[in-house]
Amino acid sequence: MNWLTAIFSSKRIVQQAVELADDSIRGIGRWIDEQQLTDEERVQYRLKRLEMYEKFLARAVEESTARTVTRRVLAVSIIGVYLILLIAGAVLGLADPSIAKWLIEWTSALQFHLLTLGVASFYFGVHLLRK
């Protein structure tokens, strides 16, 4: 269940990202404050820091919009249905191989495996490429 929580709990993820960015920004701010700067230079650096923080928050919020959550729900739903059909085919195949054969033919006729592969690569492939 933790992987479901990780996929759909964007508020917690955004909060952790904000805390990490905030710590990083404070560290940079301390380094800047240790420098021998005039008051005007300090104000300029603080303004730049706030602008960067604002950009970060805007990007972090984009990851929890209705569109991205809907995309996640669709991906998990389609892949979940495919896995249920796959497991049902395996279990029913033990009892009656003709039912499993019919289930495989039915999903093949619908090309459900291609849909699942496409959805999985579209949604989860992006996350794999980022790492």
Protein backbone atom coordinates (compact mmCIF):
# COMPACT_ATOMS: atom_id res chain seq x y z
CA MET A 1 0.00 0.00 0.00
CA ASN A 2 2.93 2.36 0.44
CA TRP A 3 3.44 2.62 -3.32
CA LEU A 4 -0.20 3.69 -3.71
CA THR A 5 0.32 6.30 -1.02
CA ALA A 6 3.46 7.52 -2.77
CA ILE A 7 1.66 7.85 -6.10
CA PHE A 8 -1.42 9.66 -4.82
CA SER A 9 -0.17 11.64 -1.79
CA SER A 10 1.20 14.61 -3.64
CA LYS A 11 0.66 17.02 -0.74
CA ARG A 12 3.17 15.16 1.42
CA ILE A 13 5.68 14.95 -1.42
CA VAL A 14 5.34 18.66 -2.15
CA GLN A 15 5.78 19.45 1.56
CA GLN A 16 8.99 17.39 1.71
CA ALA A 17 10.28 19.07 -1.43
CA VAL A 18 9.47 22.51 -0.01
CA GLU A 19 11.30 21.69 3.23
CA LEU A 20 14.33 20.44 1.30
CA ALA A 21 14.37 23.52 -0.90
CA ASP A 22 13.88 25.76 2.13
CA ASP A 23 16.86 24.18 3.90
CA SER A 24 18.97 24.57 0.77
CA ILE A 25 17.93 28.18 0.34
CA ARG A 26 18.68 28.95 3.99
CA GLY A 27 22.13 27.39 3.60
CA ILE A 28 22.79 29.56 0.57
CA GLY A 29 21.42 32.54 2.47
CA ARG A 30 23.79 31.92 5.39
CA TRP A 31 26.71 31.70 2.96
CA ILE A 32 25.65 34.97 1.37
CA ASP A 33 25.26 36.63 4.77
CA GLU A 34 28.79 35.57 5.71
CA GLN A 35 30.15 37.44 2.70
CA GLN A 36 31.18 41.04 3.03
CA LEU A 37 28.26 42.59 1.19
CA THR A 38 26.60 45.94 1.32
CA ASP A 39 22.99 46.20 2.41
CA GLU A 40 21.89 46.75 -1.19
CA GLU A 41 23.66 43.59 -2.35
CA ARG A 42 22.04 41.59 0.45
CA VAL A 43 18.61 42.85 -0.55
CA GLN A 44 19.28 41.94 -4.18
CA TYR A 45 20.39 38.42 -3.21
CA ARG A 46 17.32 37.97 -1.03
CA LEU A 47 15.07 39.07 -3.89
CA LYS A 48 16.75 36.58 -6.21
CA ARG A 49 16.35 33.89 -3.57
CA LEU A 50 12.63 34.64 -3.23
CA GLU A 51 12.19 34.55 -7.02
CA MET A 52 13.87 31.13 -7.19
CA TYR A 53 11.71 29.89 -4.32
CA GLU A 54 8.58 31.12 -6.11
CA LYS A 55 9.57 29.28 -9.31
CA PHE A 56 10.21 26.12 -7.33
CA LEU A 57 6.80 26.28 -5.63
CA ALA A 58 5.08 26.83 -8.98
CA ARG A 59 6.76 23.72 -10.41
CA ALA A 60 6.00 21.67 -7.31
CA VAL A 61 2.31 22.59 -7.44
CA GLU A 62 2.15 21.53 -11.10
CA GLU A 63 2.81 17.93 -9.99
CA SER A 64 -0.40 17.82 -7.95
CA THR A 65 -2.89 19.38 -10.34
CA ALA A 66 -6.12 17.62 -11.22
CA ARG A 67 -4.65 16.68 -14.58
CA THR A 68 -1.64 14.84 -13.14
CA VAL A 69 -3.72 13.10 -10.47
CA THR A 70 -6.20 12.00 -13.15
CA ARG A 71 -3.34 10.69 -15.27
CA ARG A 72 -2.11 8.65 -12.30
CA VAL A 73 -5.57 7.24 -11.57
CA LEU A 74 -6.02 6.22 -15.21
CA ALA A 75 -2.61 4.58 -15.36
CA VAL A 76 -3.14 2.59 -12.16
CA SER A 77 -6.69 1.63 -13.22
CA ILE A 78 -5.71 0.33 -16.66
CA ILE A 79 -2.69 -1.54 -15.38
CA GLY A 80 -4.74 -2.90 -12.46
CA VAL A 81 -7.43 -4.28 -14.79
CA TYR A 82 -4.75 -5.91 -16.93
CA LEU A 83 -3.13 -7.52 -13.89
CA ILE A 84 -6.50 -8.78 -12.64
CA LEU A 85 -7.21 -10.34 -16.03
CA LEU A 86 -3.74 -11.88 -16.09
CA ILE A 87 -4.10 -13.38 -12.61
CA ALA A 88 -7.66 -14.54 -13.32
CA GLY A 89 -6.45 -16.25 -16.49
CA ALA A 90 -3.70 -18.03 -14.60
CA VAL A 91 -6.04 -19.18 -11.81
CA LEU A 92 -8.84 -20.19 -14.16
CA GLY A 93 -6.30 -21.92 -16.38
CA LEU A 94 -5.59 -24.32 -13.56
CA ALA A 95 -9.28 -25.25 -13.32
CA ASP A 96 -10.24 -25.15 -16.99
CA PRO A 97 -7.66 -24.34 -19.69
CA SER A 98 -10.37 -23.47 -22.23
CA ILE A 99 -11.49 -20.50 -20.09
CA ALA A 100 -7.91 -19.24 -19.86
CA LYS A 101 -7.52 -19.66 -23.62
CA TRP A 102 -10.73 -17.68 -24.23
CA LEU A 103 -9.56 -14.92 -21.85
CA ILE A 104 -6.20 -14.67 -23.63
CA GLU A 105 -7.89 -14.56 -27.05
CA TRP A 106 -10.34 -11.90 -25.84
CA THR A 107 -7.65 -9.62 -24.45
CA SER A 108 -5.50 -10.20 -27.54
CA ALA A 109 -8.39 -9.28 -29.83
CA LEU A 110 -8.81 -6.02 -27.92
CA GLN A 111 -5.03 -5.54 -27.94
CA PHE A 112 -5.29 -4.75 -24.26
CA HIS A 113 -1.64 -5.62 -23.71
CA LEU A 114 -0.60 -2.84 -26.10
CA LEU A 115 -2.82 -0.34 -24.30
CA THR A 116 -1.33 -1.35 -20.97
CA LEU A 117 2.20 -1.16 -22.30
CA GLY A 118 1.52 2.27 -23.81
CA VAL A 119 0.01 3.65 -20.61
CA ALA A 120 2.79 2.20 -18.47
CA SER A 121 5.53 3.60 -20.69
CA PHE A 122 3.81 6.99 -21.00
CA TYR A 123 3.29 7.50 -17.29
CA PHE A 124 5.95 5.46 -15.53
CA GLY A 125 8.58 5.76 -18.26
CA VAL A 126 8.94 9.47 -17.57
CA HIS A 127 9.78 8.72 -13.94
CA LEU A 128 12.34 6.11 -14.96
CA LEU A 129 14.03 8.52 -17.38
CA ARG A 130 14.27 11.23 -14.71
CA LYS A 131 16.35 8.99 -12.41
